[in-house]
C-alpha atoms as a PDB file:
ATOM      1  CA  MET A   1       8.829 -14.892  -5.931  1.00  0.00           C
ATOM      2  CA  SER A   2      10.393 -12.942  -8.841  1.00  0.00           C
ATOM      3  CA  ARG A   3       9.427  -9.409  -8.559  1.00  0.00           C
ATOM      4  CA  THR A   4       7.390  -7.514 -11.432  1.00  0.00           C
ATOM      5  CA  LEU A   5       5.976  -4.126 -12.597  1.00  0.00           C
ATOM      6  CA  GLY A   6       2.983  -4.182 -10.378  1.00  0.00           C
ATOM      7  CA  ALA A   7       4.082  -7.084  -7.669  1.00  0.00           C
ATOM      8  CA  LEU A   8       4.970  -6.767  -4.051  1.00  0.00           C
ATOM      9  CA  PRO A   9       7.987  -8.495  -2.862  1.00  0.00           C
ATOM     10  CA  ASP A  10       6.064 -11.132  -1.533  1.00  0.00           C
ATOM     11  CA  HIS A  11       3.288 -11.382  -4.032  1.00  0.00           C
ATOM     12  CA  THR A  12       2.660 -11.214  -8.012  1.00  0.00           C
ATOM     13  CA  HIS A  13       0.560  -9.007  -9.515  1.00  0.00           C
ATOM     14  CA  GLU A  14      -2.269 -11.703 -10.348  1.00  0.00           C
ATOM     15  CA  GLU A  15      -1.585 -12.847  -6.524  1.00  0.00           C
ATOM     16  CA  MET A  16      -2.638  -9.259  -5.537  1.00  0.00           C
ATOM     17  CA  LEU A  17      -5.374  -8.568  -7.263  1.00  0.00           C
ATOM     18  CA  GLY A  18      -6.557 -12.003  -5.894  1.00  0.00           C
ATOM     19  CA  ILE A  19      -6.095 -11.029  -2.629  1.00  0.00           C
ATOM     20  CA  LEU A  20      -7.641  -7.259  -2.953  1.00  0.00           C
ATOM     21  CA  ALA A  21     -10.399  -8.608  -4.767  1.00  0.00           C
ATOM     22  CA  ARG A  22     -11.265 -10.663  -1.503  1.00  0.00           C
ATOM     23  CA  ALA A  23     -10.365  -8.357   0.819  1.00  0.00           C
ATOM     24  CA  ASP A  24     -13.310  -6.839   3.432  1.00  0.00           C
ATOM     25  CA  ALA A  25     -14.477  -3.962   1.761  1.00  0.00           C
ATOM     26  CA  ALA A  26     -14.552  -1.476   4.404  1.00  0.00           C
ATOM     27  CA  ARG A  27     -10.856  -2.227   6.139  1.00  0.00           C
ATOM     28  CA  LEU A  28     -10.098  -1.795   1.784  1.00  0.00           C
ATOM     29  CA  LYS A  29     -11.747   1.720   1.350  1.00  0.00           C
ATOM     30  CA  ALA A  30     -10.358   2.640   4.812  1.00  0.00           C
ATOM     31  CA  PHE A  31      -6.743   1.696   3.435  1.00  0.00           C
ATOM     32  CA  ALA A  32      -7.257   3.576  -0.202  1.00  0.00           C
ATOM     33  CA  GLU A  33      -8.317   6.395   1.091  1.00  0.00           C
ATOM     34  CA  PRO A  34      -5.351   8.249   2.199  1.00  0.00           C
ATOM     35  CA  LEU A  35      -3.539   7.313  -1.125  1.00  0.00           C
ATOM     36  CA  ILE A  36      -5.414   9.342  -3.114  1.00  0.00           C
ATOM     37  CA  ALA A  37      -3.466  12.876  -2.244  1.00  0.00           C
ATOM     38  CA  ALA A  38      -0.306  10.934  -3.717  1.00  0.00           C
ATOM     39  CA  LEU A  39      -1.037  10.181  -6.807  1.00  0.00           C
ATOM     40  CA  GLY A  40      -1.777  13.491  -7.533  1.00  0.00           C
ATOM     41  CA  ASP A  41      -4.930  13.810 -10.817  1.00  0.00           C
ATOM     42  CA  ILE A  42      -6.659  10.395 -11.272  1.00  0.00           C
ATOM     43  CA  GLU A  43      -8.347   9.902 -14.656  1.00  0.00           C
ATOM     44  CA  VAL A  44     -11.814   7.427 -14.123  1.00  0.00           C
ATOM     45  CA  ARG A  45     -11.380   5.237 -17.066  1.00  0.00           C
ATOM     46  CA  GLU A  46     -14.408   2.962 -16.128  1.00  0.00           C
ATOM     47  CA  ASN A  47     -16.145   2.783 -12.903  1.00  0.00           C
ATOM     48  CA  ARG A  48     -19.438  -0.188 -13.629  1.00  0.00           C
ATOM     49  CA  THR A  49     -20.813  -3.090 -12.700  1.00  0.00           C
ATOM     50  CA  GLY A  50     -21.922  -5.927 -15.160  1.00  0.00           C
ATOM     51  CA  LEU A  51     -22.055  -9.747 -15.666  1.00  0.00           C
ATOM     52  CA  VAL A  52     -19.128 -12.254 -16.180  1.00  0.00           C
ATOM     53  CA  MET A  53     -19.198 -15.754 -16.901  1.00  0.00           C
ATOM     54  CA  LEU A  54     -18.160 -17.805 -13.742  1.00  0.00           C
ATOM     55  CA  PRO A  55     -15.960 -20.616 -15.144  1.00  0.00           C
ATOM     56  CA  MET A  56     -15.757 -24.019 -13.591  1.00  0.00           C
ATOM     57  CA  ARG A  57     -13.340 -27.310 -14.117  1.00  0.00           C
ATOM     58  CA  ASP A  58     -15.069 -30.589 -13.715  1.00  0.00           C
ATOM     59  CA  THR A  59     -12.785 -32.506 -12.711  1.00  0.00           C
ATOM     60  CA  ALA A  60     -14.375 -36.028 -13.276  1.00  0.00           C
ATOM     61  CA  GLN A  61     -14.329 -35.227 -17.004  1.00  0.00           C
ATOM     62  CA  ARG A  62     -11.504 -32.924 -17.056  1.00  0.00           C
ATOM     63  CA  THR A  63     -13.335 -30.157 -18.782  1.00  0.00           C
ATOM     64  CA  HIS A  64     -14.373 -26.734 -18.156  1.00  0.00           C
ATOM     65  CA  PHE A  65     -17.866 -24.869 -18.448  1.00  0.00           C
ATOM     66  CA  HIS A  66     -19.469 -21.825 -17.734  1.00  0.00           C
ATOM     67  CA  LEU A  67     -21.847 -22.227 -14.093  1.00  0.00           C
ATOM     68  CA  GLY A  68     -23.371 -19.167 -14.628  1.00  0.00           C
ATOM     69  CA  GLU A  69     -23.108 -15.589 -14.603  1.00  0.00           C
ATOM     70  CA  VAL A  70     -21.780 -13.321 -11.392  1.00  0.00           C
ATOM     71  CA  LEU A  71     -22.602  -9.941 -10.864  1.00  0.00           C
ATOM     72  CA  VAL A  72     -19.366  -7.415 -10.740  1.00  0.00           C
ATOM     73  CA  SER A  73     -18.216  -3.862 -10.069  1.00  0.00           C
ATOM     74  CA  GLU A  74     -14.874  -2.570 -12.123  1.00  0.00           C
ATOM     75  CA  ALA A  75     -12.657   0.322 -12.076  1.00  0.00           C
ATOM     76  CA  ARG A  76      -9.966   1.298 -13.897  1.00  0.00           C
ATOM     77  CA  ILE A  77      -8.173   4.392 -13.279  1.00  0.00           C
ATOM     78  CA  VAL A  78      -4.647   6.570 -14.789  1.00  0.00           C
ATOM     79  CA  ALA A  79      -2.324   8.536 -13.306  1.00  0.00           C
ATOM     80  CA  GLY A  80       0.707   9.789 -14.967  1.00  0.00           C
ATOM     81  CA  GLY A  81       0.392   7.242 -17.497  1.00  0.00           C
ATOM     82  CA  VAL A  82       0.170   4.340 -15.328  1.00  0.00           C
ATOM     83  CA  GLU A  83      -3.146   1.985 -15.109  1.00  0.00           C
ATOM     84  CA  GLY A  84      -4.550   0.553 -11.611  1.00  0.00           C
ATOM     85  CA  TYR A  85      -7.248  -2.183 -12.290  1.00  0.00           C
ATOM     86  CA  GLY A  86      -9.774  -3.318  -9.351  1.00  0.00           C
ATOM     87  CA  MET A  87     -12.866  -5.892 -10.125  1.00  0.00           C
ATOM     88  CA  ARG A  88     -14.349  -7.212  -7.154  1.00  0.00           C
ATOM     89  CA  ARG A  89     -18.002  -9.559  -7.115  1.00  0.00           C
ATOM     90  CA  GLY A  90     -20.801  -7.617  -6.541  1.00  0.00           C
ATOM     91  CA  ARG A  91     -22.418  -4.462  -7.222  1.00  0.00           C
ATOM     92  CA  ASP A  92     -19.946  -1.944  -4.606  1.00  0.00           C
ATOM     93  CA  LEU A  93     -18.090   0.295  -7.102  1.00  0.00           C
ATOM     94  CA  GLU A  94     -16.267   1.839  -4.350  1.00  0.00           C
ATOM     95  CA  ALA A  95     -14.770  -0.665  -3.232  1.00  0.00           C
ATOM     96  CA  ALA A  96     -13.750  -1.854  -6.576  1.00  0.00           C
ATOM     97  CA  MET A  97     -12.249   1.865  -7.299  1.00  0.00           C
ATOM     98  CA  ALA A  98     -10.229   1.302  -3.612  1.00  0.00           C
ATOM     99  CA  MET A  99      -8.852  -2.027  -5.031  1.00  0.00           C
ATOM    100  CA  ALA A 100      -7.761   0.217  -8.445  1.00  0.00           C
ATOM    101  CA  LEU A 101      -6.385   2.631  -6.352  1.00  0.00           C
ATOM    102  CA  VAL A 102      -3.980   0.477  -4.701  1.00  0.00           C
ATOM    103  CA  ASP A 103      -3.040  -1.651  -7.669  1.00  0.00           C
ATOM    104  CA  LEU A 104      -2.481   2.425  -9.391  1.00  0.00           C
ATOM    105  CA  CYS A 105      -0.454   3.052  -6.255  1.00  0.00           C
ATOM    106  CA  VAL A 106       1.847  -0.257  -6.446  1.00  0.00           C
ATOM    107  CA  ALA A 107       2.212   0.402 -10.265  1.00  0.00           C
ATOM    108  CA  SER A 108       3.186   3.671  -9.833  1.00  0.00           C
ATOM    109  CA  GLY A 109       5.767   2.768  -6.610  1.00  0.00           C
ATOM    110  CA  VAL A 110       3.838   4.945  -4.288  1.00  0.00           C
ATOM    111  CA  HIS A 111       3.295   3.551  -0.889  1.00  0.00           C
ATOM    112  CA  LEU A 112       4.692   0.039  -1.508  1.00  0.00           C
ATOM    113  CA  ARG A 113       5.826  -0.560   2.130  1.00  0.00           C
ATOM    114  CA  ALA A 114       2.070  -0.095   3.301  1.00  0.00           C
ATOM    115  CA  CYS A 115       0.497  -1.264   0.331  1.00  0.00           C
ATOM    116  CA  ALA A 116       2.559  -4.698   0.804  1.00  0.00           C
ATOM    117  CA  ALA A 117       1.536  -4.699   4.457  1.00  0.00           C
ATOM    118  CA  PHE A 118      -2.095  -4.324   3.265  1.00  0.00           C
ATOM    119  CA  VAL A 119      -2.001  -7.131   1.003  1.00  0.00           C
ATOM    120  CA  THR A 120       0.004  -9.234   3.466  1.00  0.00           C
ATOM    121  CA  ASP A 121      -2.245  -8.685   6.252  1.00  0.00           C
ATOM    122  CA  GLU A 122      -5.445  -9.205   4.321  1.00  0.00           C
ATOM    123  CA  ALA A 123      -3.468 -12.656   2.612  1.00  0.00           C
ATOM    124  CA  ALA A 124      -3.336 -13.968   6.435  1.00  0.00           C
ATOM    125  CA  LYS A 125      -6.749 -13.048   7.073  1.00  0.00           C
ATOM    126  CA  GLN A 126      -8.334 -14.721   4.073  1.00  0.00           C
ATOM    127  CA  ALA A 127      -5.764 -17.875   4.797  1.00  0.00           C
ATOM    128  CA  GLU A 128      -7.354 -18.054   8.200  1.00  0.00           C
ATOM    129  CA  GLU A 129     -11.053 -17.724   6.996  1.00  0.00           C
ATOM    130  CA  ASP A 130     -10.553 -20.402   4.523  1.00  0.00           C
ATOM    131  CA  ARG A 131      -9.003 -22.768   6.776  1.00  0.00           C
ATOM    132  CA  GLU A 132     -12.002 -22.680   9.027  1.00  0.00           C
ATOM    133  CA  THR A 133     -13.712 -22.776   6.085  1.00  0.00           C
ATOM    134  CA  LEU A 134     -12.510 -26.165   5.424  1.00  0.00           C
ATOM    135  CA  ARG A 135     -12.421 -27.333   9.246  1.00  0.00           C
ATOM    136  CA  ARG A 136     -16.384 -26.745   9.005  1.00  0.00           C
ATOM    137  CA  VAL A 137     -16.399 -28.722   5.852  1.00  0.00           C
ATOM    138  CA  GLU A 138     -14.754 -31.726   7.173  1.00  0.00           C
ATOM    139  CA  ALA A 139     -16.832 -31.584   9.979  1.00  0.00           C
ATOM    140  CA  THR A 140     -19.778 -33.026   7.730  1.00  0.00           C
ATOM    141  CA  ARG A 141     -18.136 -34.929   6.084  1.00  0.00           C
ATOM    142  CA  VAL A 142     -19.509 -38.963   6.732  1.00  0.00           C
ATOM    143  CA  GLU A 143     -17.659 -42.278   6.116  1.00  0.00           C
ATOM    144  CA  MET A 144     -18.978 -44.913   4.260  1.00  0.00           C
ATOM    145  CA  GLU A 145     -18.842 -48.684   3.942  1.00  0.00           C
ATOM    146  CA  THR A 146     -18.604 -50.147   0.358  1.00  0.00           C
ATOM    147  CA  PHE A 147     -20.065 -53.451   0.089  1.00  0.00           C
END
């Protein structure tokens, strides 16, 4: 994968944000807390909750539609002219702020190894959770004969 600004060696910026958005909130907060000291003065630009539309795709008709609204927490912070962003499902503003702190560290080049290790570990945990979910779904599959 190519390394771009705000990306890690094994993950693009978009992939990193996706992993952080799904990361366990307690682990994310515990990881992000010590990062604050290395960032210097941090300006909080946004720290809010709101509703966003949930886009879906109808695979049969190949059309996109909005399934409904989802409550999210959003944080946008700046340090040294570099911005960090976080958006997570739910009302946990601290977790969104923790996500923004990790994003800011990566964009600033601060604690890159620690951030890369955390993101890679979370990605592995999420992949295992996804495999387990698919196993449980597959167990409910019913084979039907068609006449």
